Amino acid sequence: MSFTRKRIASLVATFGANGLRSSGREDDVIEGRDDFPLTDLGVDSLGAMELCMALESEFGLDIRPDNLADFGTLGGLARAADEALARS
């Protein structure tokens, strides 16, 4: 797993911790499963905002919290971060 995927998995696990624990899917994110659906995060609006701010700070991704699910999966989000890093 690349550094980007590991870091994104860590951020997602941090900001989605409550929803992930209650769904029993925390290990899927921590392991960086590319097919993990972002809609399964179960984050509240504050958690989504904090996650988006962290992604912008670390990777230059300008994501609105209500558009987070547009990336589809953890892998889709990681690919977008890789692309943003390549452009910078």
PDB file of N, CA and C in Angstrom:
ATOM      1  N   MET A   1       0.839  -1.163   0.000  1.00  0.00           N
ATOM      2  CA  MET A   1       0.000   0.000   0.000  1.00  0.00           C
ATOM      3  C   MET A   1       0.893   1.237   0.000  1.00  0.00           C
ATOM      4  N   SER A   2       0.573   2.189  -0.851  1.00  0.00           N
ATOM      5  CA  SER A   2       1.377   3.402  -0.954  1.00  0.00           C
ATOM      6  C   SER A   2       1.192   4.282   0.286  1.00  0.00           C
ATOM      7  N   PHE A   3       2.124   5.202   0.458  1.00  0.00           N
ATOM      8  CA  PHE A   3       2.017   6.141   1.571  1.00  0.00           C
ATOM      9  C   PHE A   3       0.699   6.900   1.499  1.00  0.00           C
ATOM     10  N   THR A   4       0.311   7.355   0.299  1.00  0.00           N
ATOM     11  CA  THR A   4      -0.927   8.113   0.147  1.00  0.00           C
ATOM     12  C   THR A   4      -2.111   7.301   0.629  1.00  0.00           C
ATOM     13  N   ARG A   5      -2.188   6.042   0.206  1.00  0.00           N
ATOM     14  CA  ARG A   5      -3.308   5.193   0.617  1.00  0.00           C
ATOM     15  C   ARG A   5      -3.295   4.968   2.129  1.00  0.00           C
ATOM     16  N   LYS A   6      -2.112   4.750   2.684  1.00  0.00           N
ATOM     17  CA  LYS A   6      -2.019   4.556   4.132  1.00  0.00           C
ATOM     18  C   LYS A   6      -2.492   5.794   4.879  1.00  0.00           C
ATOM     19  N   ARG A   7      -2.056   6.967   4.422  1.00  0.00           N
ATOM     20  CA  ARG A   7      -2.423   8.201   5.104  1.00  0.00           C
ATOM     21  C   ARG A   7      -3.909   8.488   4.961  1.00  0.00           C
ATOM     22  N   ILE A   8      -4.460   8.269   3.782  1.00  0.00           N
ATOM     23  CA  ILE A   8      -5.892   8.487   3.587  1.00  0.00           C
ATOM     24  C   ILE A   8      -6.686   7.496   4.431  1.00  0.00           C
ATOM     25  N   ALA A   9      -6.248   6.246   4.461  1.00  0.00           N
ATOM     26  CA  ALA A   9      -6.926   5.254   5.296  1.00  0.00           C
ATOM     27  C   ALA A   9      -6.901   5.684   6.757  1.00  0.00           C
ATOM     28  N   SER A  10      -5.776   6.226   7.193  1.00  0.00           N
ATOM     29  CA  SER A  10      -5.660   6.697   8.568  1.00  0.00           C
ATOM     30  C   SER A  10      -6.612   7.863   8.832  1.00  0.00           C
ATOM     31  N   LEU A  11      -6.672   8.822   7.907  1.00  0.00           N
ATOM     32  CA  LEU A  11      -7.577   9.962   8.073  1.00  0.00           C
ATOM     33  C   LEU A  11      -9.031   9.512   8.079  1.00  0.00           C
ATOM     34  N   VAL A  12      -9.375   8.629   7.154  1.00  0.00           N
ATOM     35  CA  VAL A  12     -10.750   8.138   7.072  1.00  0.00           C
ATOM     36  C   VAL A  12     -11.113   7.380   8.341  1.00  0.00           C
ATOM     37  N   ALA A  13     -10.201   6.551   8.827  1.00  0.00           N
ATOM     38  CA  ALA A  13     -10.463   5.797  10.055  1.00  0.00           C
ATOM     39  C   ALA A  13     -10.624   6.734  11.241  1.00  0.00           C
ATOM     40  N   THR A  14      -9.839   7.805  11.271  1.00  0.00           N
ATOM     41  CA  THR A  14      -9.930   8.768  12.376  1.00  0.00           C
ATOM     42  C   THR A  14     -11.261   9.501  12.368  1.00  0.00           C
ATOM     43  N   PHE A  15     -11.636  10.067  11.226  1.00  0.00           N
ATOM     44  CA  PHE A  15     -12.842  10.885  11.179  1.00  0.00           C
ATOM     45  C   PHE A  15     -14.120  10.062  11.041  1.00  0.00           C
ATOM     46  N   GLY A  16     -13.988   8.814  10.656  1.00  0.00           N
ATOM     47  CA  GLY A  16     -15.162   7.951  10.551  1.00  0.00           C
ATOM     48  C   GLY A  16     -15.232   6.912  11.649  1.00  0.00           C
ATOM     49  N   ALA A  17     -14.457   7.096  12.703  1.00  0.00           N
ATOM     50  CA  ALA A  17     -14.305   6.074  13.737  1.00  0.00           C
ATOM     51  C   ALA A  17     -15.620   5.601  14.338  1.00  0.00           C
ATOM     52  N   ASN A  18     -16.500   6.507  14.720  1.00  0.00           N
ATOM     53  CA  ASN A  18     -17.745   6.085  15.366  1.00  0.00           C
ATOM     54  C   ASN A  18     -18.624   5.258  14.444  1.00  0.00           C
ATOM     55  N   GLY A  19     -18.815   5.722  13.229  1.00  0.00           N
ATOM     56  CA  GLY A  19     -19.631   4.987  12.280  1.00  0.00           C
ATOM     57  C   GLY A  19     -19.011   3.666  11.880  1.00  0.00           C
ATOM     58  N   LEU A  20     -17.692   3.646  11.742  1.00  0.00           N
ATOM     59  CA  LEU A  20     -17.008   2.423  11.352  1.00  0.00           C
ATOM     60  C   LEU A  20     -17.072   1.373  12.449  1.00  0.00           C
ATOM     61  N   ARG A  21     -16.881   1.795  13.689  1.00  0.00           N
ATOM     62  CA  ARG A  21     -16.945   0.845  14.800  1.00  0.00           C
ATOM     63  C   ARG A  21     -18.327   0.232  14.902  1.00  0.00           C
ATOM     64  N   SER A  22     -19.355   1.058  14.766  1.00  0.00           N
ATOM     65  CA  SER A  22     -20.708   0.530  14.904  1.00  0.00           C
ATOM     66  C   SER A  22     -21.076  -0.403  13.756  1.00  0.00           C
ATOM     67  N   SER A  23     -20.442  -0.241  12.594  1.00  0.00           N
ATOM     68  CA  SER A  23     -20.737  -1.114  11.454  1.00  0.00           C
ATOM     69  C   SER A  23     -19.820  -2.330  11.403  1.00  0.00           C
ATOM     70  N   GLY A  24     -18.767  -2.329  12.233  1.00  0.00           N
ATOM     71  CA  GLY A  24     -17.812  -3.433  12.220  1.00  0.00           C
ATOM     72  C   GLY A  24     -16.886  -3.422  11.019  1.00  0.00           C
ATOM     73  N   ARG A  25     -16.741  -2.291  10.347  1.00  0.00           N
ATOM     74  CA  ARG A  25     -15.935  -2.215   9.121  1.00  0.00           C
ATOM     75  C   ARG A  25     -14.639  -1.453   9.314  1.00  0.00           C
ATOM     76  N   GLU A  26     -14.274  -1.150  10.559  1.00  0.00           N
ATOM     77  CA  GLU A  26     -13.073  -0.364  10.822  1.00  0.00           C
ATOM     78  C   GLU A  26     -11.823  -1.016  10.234  1.00  0.00           C
ATOM     79  N   ASP A  27     -11.696  -2.339  10.322  1.00  0.00           N
ATOM     80  CA  ASP A  27     -10.520  -3.029   9.785  1.00  0.00           C
ATOM     81  C   ASP A  27     -10.398  -2.878   8.275  1.00  0.00           C
ATOM     82  N   ASP A  28     -11.542  -2.817   7.574  1.00  0.00           N
ATOM     83  CA  ASP A  28     -11.501  -2.643   6.119  1.00  0.00           C
ATOM     84  C   ASP A  28     -10.803  -1.340   5.746  1.00  0.00           C
ATOM     85  N   VAL A  29     -11.045  -0.297   6.512  1.00  0.00           N
ATOM     86  CA  VAL A  29     -10.423   0.998   6.227  1.00  0.00           C
ATOM     87  C   VAL A  29      -8.979   0.998   6.669  1.00  0.00           C
ATOM     88  N   ILE A  30      -8.725   0.509   7.869  1.00  0.00           N
ATOM     89  CA  ILE A  30      -7.361   0.497   8.388  1.00  0.00           C
ATOM     90  C   ILE A  30      -6.442  -0.303   7.465  1.00  0.00           C
ATOM     91  N   GLU A  31      -6.960  -1.372   6.888  1.00  0.00           N
ATOM     92  CA  GLU A  31      -6.175  -2.179   5.952  1.00  0.00           C
ATOM     93  C   GLU A  31      -6.075  -1.508   4.585  1.00  0.00           C
ATOM     94  N   GLY A  32      -6.805  -0.415   4.387  1.00  0.00           N
ATOM     95  CA  GLY A  32      -6.724   0.323   3.131  1.00  0.00           C
ATOM     96  C   GLY A  32      -7.401  -0.367   1.967  1.00  0.00           C
ATOM     97  N   ARG A  33      -8.470  -1.089   2.234  1.00  0.00           N
ATOM     98  CA  ARG A  33      -9.185  -1.772   1.143  1.00  0.00           C
ATOM     99  C   ARG A  33      -9.700  -0.755   0.138  1.00  0.00           C
ATOM    100  N   ASP A  34      -9.212  -0.861  -1.075  1.00  0.00           N
ATOM    101  CA  ASP A  34      -9.584   0.088  -2.126  1.00  0.00           C
ATOM    102  C   ASP A  34     -11.075   0.087  -2.427  1.00  0.00           C
ATOM    103  N   ASP A  35     -11.743  -1.038  -2.196  1.00  0.00           N
ATOM    104  CA  ASP A  35     -13.156  -1.141  -2.553  1.00  0.00           C
ATOM    105  C   ASP A  35     -14.095  -0.698  -1.429  1.00  0.00           C
ATOM    106  N   PHE A  36     -13.532  -0.143  -0.332  1.00  0.00           N
ATOM    107  CA  PHE A  36     -14.388   0.293   0.774  1.00  0.00           C
ATOM    108  C   PHE A  36     -15.225   1.484   0.323  1.00  0.00           C
ATOM    109  N   PRO A  37     -16.566   1.353   0.359  1.00  0.00           N
ATOM    110  CA  PRO A  37     -17.422   2.463  -0.087  1.00  0.00           C
ATOM    111  C   PRO A  37     -17.424   3.616   0.914  1.00  0.00           C
ATOM    112  N   LEU A  38     -17.175   4.800   0.435  1.00  0.00           N
ATOM    113  CA  LEU A  38     -17.151   5.975   1.307  1.00  0.00           C
ATOM    114  C   LEU A  38     -18.520   6.242   1.927  1.00  0.00           C
ATOM    115  N   THR A  39     -19.574   5.776   1.281  1.00  0.00           N
ATOM    116  CA  THR A  39     -20.913   5.955   1.849  1.00  0.00           C
ATOM    117  C   THR A  39     -21.098   5.142   3.128  1.00  0.00           C
ATOM    118  N   ASP A  40     -20.223   4.182   3.375  1.00  0.00           N
ATOM    119  CA  ASP A  40     -20.317   3.361   4.588  1.00  0.00           C
ATOM    120  C   ASP A  40     -19.574   3.959   5.776  1.00  0.00           C
ATOM    121  N   LEU A  41     -19.028   5.159   5.612  1.00  0.00           N
ATOM    122  CA  LEU A  41     -18.276   5.780   6.694  1.00  0.00           C
ATOM    123  C   LEU A  41     -19.142   6.090   7.904  1.00  0.00           C
ATOM    124  N   GLY A  42     -20.342   6.543   7.660  1.00  0.00           N
ATOM    125  CA  GLY A  42     -21.216   6.902   8.761  1.00  0.00           C
ATOM    126  C   GLY A  42     -20.756   8.124   9.529  1.00  0.00           C
ATOM    127  N   VAL A  43     -20.035   9.039   8.866  1.00  0.00           N
ATOM    128  CA  VAL A  43     -19.578  10.251   9.558  1.00  0.00           C
ATOM    129  C   VAL A  43     -20.704  11.272   9.605  1.00  0.00           C
ATOM    130  N   ASP A  44     -20.705  12.067  10.651  1.00  0.00           N
ATOM    131  CA  ASP A  44     -21.658  13.164  10.718  1.00  0.00           C
ATOM    132  C   ASP A  44     -21.107  14.336   9.915  1.00  0.00           C
ATOM    133  N   SER A  45     -21.871  15.413   9.846  1.00  0.00           N
ATOM    134  CA  SER A  45     -21.454  16.535   9.004  1.00  0.00           C
ATOM    135  C   SER A  45     -20.152  17.168   9.501  1.00  0.00           C
ATOM    136  N   LEU A  46     -19.955  17.227  10.802  1.00  0.00           N
ATOM    137  CA  LEU A  46     -18.712  17.783  11.339  1.00  0.00           C
ATOM    138  C   LEU A  46     -17.522  16.890  10.988  1.00  0.00           C
ATOM    139  N   GLY A  47     -17.691  15.584  11.110  1.00  0.00           N
ATOM    140  CA  GLY A  47     -16.619  14.646  10.754  1.00  0.00           C
ATOM    141  C   GLY A  47     -16.264  14.738   9.285  1.00  0.00           C
ATOM    142  N   ALA A  48     -17.271  14.871   8.427  1.00  0.00           N
ATOM    143  CA  ALA A  48     -17.024  14.997   6.985  1.00  0.00           C
ATOM    144  C   ALA A  48     -16.271  16.283   6.683  1.00  0.00           C
ATOM    145  N   MET A  49     -16.655  17.365   7.368  1.00  0.00           N
ATOM    146  CA  MET A  49     -15.973  18.636   7.156  1.00  0.00           C
ATOM    147  C   MET A  49     -14.514  18.539   7.612  1.00  0.00           C
ATOM    148  N   GLU A  50     -14.278  17.932   8.768  1.00  0.00           N
ATOM    149  CA  GLU A  50     -12.912  17.795   9.268  1.00  0.00           C
ATOM    150  C   GLU A  50     -12.071  16.913   8.347  1.00  0.00           C
ATOM    151  N   LEU A  51     -12.659  15.838   7.835  1.00  0.00           N
ATOM    152  CA  LEU A  51     -11.946  14.966   6.902  1.00  0.00           C
ATOM    153  C   LEU A  51     -11.576  15.737   5.637  1.00  0.00           C
ATOM    154  N   CYS A  52     -12.510  16.493   5.095  1.00  0.00           N
ATOM    155  CA  CYS A  52     -12.236  17.268   3.877  1.00  0.00           C
ATOM    156  C   CYS A  52     -11.155  18.314   4.113  1.00  0.00           C
ATOM    157  N   MET A  53     -11.178  18.946   5.271  1.00  0.00           N
ATOM    158  CA  MET A  53     -10.149  19.933   5.587  1.00  0.00           C
ATOM    159  C   MET A  53      -8.777  19.264   5.697  1.00  0.00           C
ATOM    160  N   ALA A  54      -8.719  18.082   6.294  1.00  0.00           N
ATOM    161  CA  ALA A  54      -7.449  17.358   6.411  1.00  0.00           C
ATOM    162  C   ALA A  54      -6.944  16.934   5.040  1.00  0.00           C
ATOM    163  N   LEU A  55      -7.852  16.489   4.162  1.00  0.00           N
ATOM    164  CA  LEU A  55      -7.458  16.084   2.808  1.00  0.00           C
ATOM    165  C   LEU A  55      -6.933  17.277   2.010  1.00  0.00           C
ATOM    166  N   GLU A  56      -7.547  18.432   2.200  1.00  0.00           N
ATOM    167  CA  GLU A  56      -7.062  19.625   1.501  1.00  0.00           C
ATOM    168  C   GLU A  56      -5.695  20.041   2.034  1.00  0.00           C
ATOM    169  N   SER A  57      -5.535  20.005   3.334  1.00  0.00           N
ATOM    170  CA  SER A  57      -4.273  20.402   3.950  1.00  0.00           C
ATOM    171  C   SER A  57      -3.125  19.499   3.525  1.00  0.00           C
ATOM    172  N   GLU A  58      -3.362  18.202   3.484  1.00  0.00           N
ATOM    173  CA  GLU A  58      -2.276  17.259   3.192  1.00  0.00           C
ATOM    174  C   GLU A  58      -2.056  16.988   1.713  1.00  0.00           C
ATOM    175  N   PHE A  59      -3.141  17.010   0.937  1.00  0.00           N
ATOM    176  CA  PHE A  59      -3.032  16.582  -0.461  1.00  0.00           C
ATOM    177  C   PHE A  59      -3.468  17.634  -1.474  1.00  0.00           C
ATOM    178  N   GLY A  60      -3.976  18.764  -1.005  1.00  0.00           N
ATOM    179  CA  GLY A  60      -4.443  19.791  -1.928  1.00  0.00           C
ATOM    180  C   GLY A  60      -5.770  19.453  -2.574  1.00  0.00           C
ATOM    181  N   LEU A  61      -6.500  18.510  -2.007  1.00  0.00           N
ATOM    182  CA  LEU A  61      -7.803  18.137  -2.552  1.00  0.00           C
ATOM    183  C   LEU A  61      -8.858  19.096  -2.028  1.00  0.00           C
ATOM    184  N   ASP A  62      -9.509  19.797  -2.913  1.00  0.00           N
ATOM    185  CA  ASP A  62     -10.562  20.731  -2.530  1.00  0.00           C
ATOM    186  C   ASP A  62     -11.898  20.012  -2.680  1.00  0.00           C
ATOM    187  N   ILE A  63     -12.349  19.417  -1.591  1.00  0.00           N
ATOM    188  CA  ILE A  63     -13.567  18.598  -1.603  1.00  0.00           C
ATOM    189  C   ILE A  63     -14.579  19.205  -0.651  1.00  0.00           C
ATOM    190  N   ARG A  64     -15.783  19.389  -1.136  1.00  0.00           N
ATOM    191  CA  ARG A  64     -16.877  19.801  -0.258  1.00  0.00           C
ATOM    192  C   ARG A  64     -17.398  18.555   0.452  1.00  0.00           C
ATOM    193  N   PRO A  65     -17.734  18.662   1.718  1.00  0.00           N
ATOM    194  CA  PRO A  65     -18.204  17.489   2.462  1.00  0.00           C
ATOM    195  C   PRO A  65     -19.371  16.763   1.794  1.00  0.00           C
ATOM    196  N   ASP A  66     -20.276  17.512   1.147  1.00  0.00           N
ATOM    197  CA  ASP A  66     -21.412  16.860   0.498  1.00  0.00           C
ATOM    198  C   ASP A  66     -21.021  16.175  -0.818  1.00  0.00           C
ATOM    199  N   ASN A  67     -19.771  16.370  -1.277  1.00  0.00           N
ATOM    200  CA  ASN A  67     -19.287  15.712  -2.495  1.00  0.00           C
ATOM    201  C   ASN A  67     -18.330  14.557  -2.194  1.00  0.00           C
ATOM    202  N   LEU A  68     -18.101  14.274  -0.937  1.00  0.00           N
ATOM    203  CA  LEU A  68     -17.142  13.240  -0.552  1.00  0.00           C
ATOM    204  C   LEU A  68     -17.487  11.886  -1.172  1.00  0.00           C
ATOM    205  N   ALA A  69     -18.753  11.539  -1.195  1.00  0.00           N
ATOM    206  CA  ALA A  69     -19.179  10.245  -1.732  1.00  0.00           C
ATOM    207  C   ALA A  69     -18.967  10.133  -3.237  1.00  0.00           C
ATOM    208  N   ASP A  70     -18.742  11.262  -3.926  1.00  0.00           N
ATOM    209  CA  ASP A  70     -18.525  11.231  -5.379  1.00  0.00           C
ATOM    210  C   ASP A  70     -17.290  10.417  -5.756  1.00  0.00           C
ATOM    211  N   PHE A  71     -16.350  10.265  -4.834  1.00  0.00           N
ATOM    212  CA  PHE A  71     -15.148   9.478  -5.119  1.00  0.00           C
ATOM    213  C   PHE A  71     -15.430   7.993  -5.058  1.00  0.00           C
ATOM    214  N   GLY A  72     -16.577   7.611  -4.526  1.00  0.00           N
ATOM    215  CA  GLY A  72     -17.016   6.228  -4.538  1.00  0.00           C
ATOM    216  C   GLY A  72     -16.414   5.350  -3.460  1.00  0.00           C
ATOM    217  N   THR A  73     -15.106   5.169  -3.537  1.00  0.00           N
ATOM    218  CA  THR A  73     -14.443   4.229  -2.643  1.00  0.00           C
ATOM    219  C   THR A  73     -13.178   4.854  -2.057  1.00  0.00           C
ATOM    220  N   LEU A  74     -12.625   4.170  -1.093  1.00  0.00           N
ATOM    221  CA  LEU A  74     -11.353   4.591  -0.517  1.00  0.00           C
ATOM    222  C   LEU A  74     -10.284   4.664  -1.606  1.00  0.00           C
ATOM    223  N   GLY A  75     -10.305   3.697  -2.529  1.00  0.00           N
ATOM    224  CA  GLY A  75      -9.355   3.693  -3.641  1.00  0.00           C
ATOM    225  C   GLY A  75      -9.534   4.891  -4.555  1.00  0.00           C
ATOM    226  N   GLY A  76     -10.789   5.284  -4.815  1.00  0.00           N
ATOM    227  CA  GLY A  76     -11.057   6.454  -5.643  1.00  0.00           C
ATOM    228  C   GLY A  76     -10.533   7.728  -5.003  1.00  0.00           C
ATOM    229  N   LEU A  77     -10.688   7.820  -3.707  1.00  0.00           N
ATOM    230  CA  LEU A  77     -10.180   8.977  -2.977  1.00  0.00           C
ATOM    231  C   LEU A  77      -8.651   8.991  -2.991  1.00  0.00           C
ATOM    232  N   ALA A  78      -8.043   7.828  -2.833  1.00  0.00           N
ATOM    233  CA  ALA A  78      -6.582   7.732  -2.863  1.00  0.00           C
ATOM    234  C   ALA A  78      -6.031   8.097  -4.245  1.00  0.00           C
ATOM    235  N   ARG A  79      -6.703   7.655  -5.306  1.00  0.00           N
ATOM    236  CA  ARG A  79      -6.268   8.002  -6.664  1.00  0.00           C
ATOM    237  C   ARG A  79      -6.342   9.521  -6.887  1.00  0.00           C
ATOM    238  N   ALA A  80      -7.403  10.140  -6.394  1.00  0.00           N
ATOM    239  CA  ALA A  80      -7.541  11.591  -6.536  1.00  0.00           C
ATOM    240  C   ALA A  80      -6.421  12.306  -5.785  1.00  0.00           C
ATOM    241  N   ALA A  81      -6.060  11.796  -4.623  1.00  0.00           N
ATOM    242  CA  ALA A  81      -4.952  12.387  -3.847  1.00  0.00           C
ATOM    243  C   ALA A  81      -3.638  12.213  -4.585  1.00  0.00           C
ATOM    244  N   ASP A  82      -3.408  11.029  -5.148  1.00  0.00           N
ATOM    245  CA  ASP A  82      -2.181  10.792  -5.928  1.00  0.00           C
ATOM    246  C   ASP A  82      -2.103  11.763  -7.097  1.00  0.00           C
ATOM    247  N   GLU A  83      -3.224  11.975  -7.791  1.00  0.00           N
ATOM    248  CA  GLU A  83      -3.245  12.892  -8.926  1.00  0.00           C
ATOM    249  C   GLU A  83      -2.970  14.330  -8.484  1.00  0.00           C
ATOM    250  N   ALA A  84      -3.551  14.729  -7.351  1.00  0.00           N
ATOM    251  CA  ALA A  84      -3.326  16.081  -6.842  1.00  0.00           C
ATOM    252  C   ALA A  84      -1.860  16.271  -6.466  1.00  0.00           C
ATOM    253  N   LEU A  85      -1.248  15.256  -5.861  1.00  0.00           N
ATOM    254  CA  LEU A  85       0.158  15.338  -5.503  1.00  0.00           C
ATOM    255  C   LEU A  85       1.035  15.412  -6.748  1.00  0.00           C
ATOM    256  N   ALA A  86       0.680  14.686  -7.797  1.00  0.00           N
ATOM    257  CA  ALA A  86       1.456  14.693  -9.040  1.00  0.00           C
ATOM    258  C   ALA A  86       1.412  16.055  -9.716  1.00  0.00           C
ATOM    259  N   ARG A  87       0.301  16.764  -9.563  1.00  0.00           N
ATOM    260  CA  ARG A  87       0.156  18.097 -10.179  1.00  0.00           C
ATOM    261  C   ARG A  87       0.919  19.167  -9.420  1.00  0.00           C
ATOM    262  N   SER A  88       1.189  18.923  -8.152  1.00  0.00           N
ATOM    263  CA  SER A  88       1.848  19.969  -7.351  1.00  0.00           C
ATOM    264  C   SER A  88       3.347  19.908  -7.413  1.00  0.00           C
TER     265      SER A  88
END
